[in-house]
Amino acid sequence: MPASQRASFRQAALASGLLTKEELDEQLVAVRADGGSGKLSDRALAKSFVEQGKLNAWQAEQLLNGRGK
């Protein structure tokens, strides 16, 4: 996945107001602490938010497609 697509999930999540920068940062740290390596896919990050109940599957998919507001 190109870097521009990785950034788009985070940008869309912030623009939508569904997630804060702090939530994104905390989740990145948590996922990496659970054994994730340096590069973390947007899909894996989105899945972790769904598993925690912070996003539903539809919201995650919309954000993965770069749709914020």
Protein backbone atom coordinates (compact mmCIF):
# COMPACT_ATOMS: atom_id res chain seq x y z
CA MET A 1 0.00 0.00 0.00
CA PRO A 2 1.52 3.35 -0.99
CA ALA A 3 2.31 5.87 1.75
CA SER A 4 -0.28 8.29 0.37
CA GLN A 5 -3.02 5.71 1.03
CA ARG A 6 -1.73 5.01 4.54
CA ALA A 7 -1.92 8.70 5.33
CA SER A 8 -5.42 9.00 3.87
CA PHE A 9 -6.98 6.73 6.54
CA ARG A 10 -5.52 8.84 9.31
CA GLN A 11 -6.44 12.09 7.58
CA ALA A 12 -9.98 10.88 6.90
CA ALA A 13 -10.36 9.69 10.50
CA LEU A 14 -9.29 13.08 11.83
CA ALA A 15 -11.38 15.03 9.31
CA SER A 16 -14.45 12.98 10.15
CA GLY A 17 -14.13 13.67 13.86
CA LEU A 18 -14.57 9.96 14.54
CA LEU A 19 -11.07 9.69 16.01
CA THR A 20 -8.73 12.16 17.64
CA LYS A 21 -5.01 12.46 17.01
CA GLU A 22 -4.44 11.13 20.50
CA GLU A 23 -6.57 8.05 19.82
CA LEU A 24 -4.68 7.39 16.59
CA ASP A 25 -1.31 7.81 18.29
CA GLU A 26 -2.29 5.60 21.24
CA GLN A 27 -3.58 2.88 18.93
CA LEU A 28 -0.42 2.91 16.84
CA VAL A 29 1.65 2.42 19.99
CA ALA A 30 -0.66 -0.33 21.28
CA VAL A 31 -0.69 -2.29 18.03
CA ARG A 32 3.07 -2.08 17.69
CA ALA A 33 3.48 -3.17 21.32
CA ASP A 34 1.40 -6.26 20.53
CA GLY A 35 4.04 -7.43 18.08
CA GLY A 36 3.48 -5.18 15.09
CA SER A 37 6.57 -4.19 13.18
CA GLY A 38 7.59 -0.77 11.88
CA LYS A 39 5.13 -0.61 8.99
CA LEU A 40 1.49 -0.88 9.98
CA SER A 41 -1.16 -1.13 7.29
CA ASP A 42 -4.20 1.09 7.41
CA ARG A 43 -6.37 -2.00 7.24
CA ALA A 44 -4.74 -3.42 10.38
CA LEU A 45 -5.10 -0.10 12.17
CA ALA A 46 -8.77 0.19 11.14
CA LYS A 47 -9.41 -3.40 12.24
CA SER A 48 -7.99 -2.64 15.66
CA PHE A 49 -10.38 0.30 16.08
CA VAL A 50 -13.31 -1.92 15.04
CA GLU A 51 -12.24 -4.60 17.53
CA GLN A 52 -12.17 -1.98 20.29
CA GLY A 53 -15.61 -0.70 19.30
CA LYS A 54 -14.33 2.79 18.44
CA LEU A 55 -15.42 2.36 14.82
CA ASN A 56 -17.93 0.06 13.21
CA ALA A 57 -17.01 -1.92 10.08
CA TRP A 58 -18.81 0.49 7.74
CA GLN A 59 -17.06 3.53 9.23
CA ALA A 60 -13.68 1.83 8.98
CA GLU A 61 -14.26 0.96 5.33
CA GLN A 62 -15.32 4.50 4.53
CA LEU A 63 -12.20 5.89 6.17
CA LEU A 64 -10.01 3.33 4.39
CA ASN A 65 -11.48 4.66 1.13
CA GLY A 66 -10.46 8.17 2.17
CA ARG A 67 -13.97 9.36 2.92
CA GLY A 68 -14.02 11.65 5.91
CA LYS A 69 -16.70 14.29 5.92
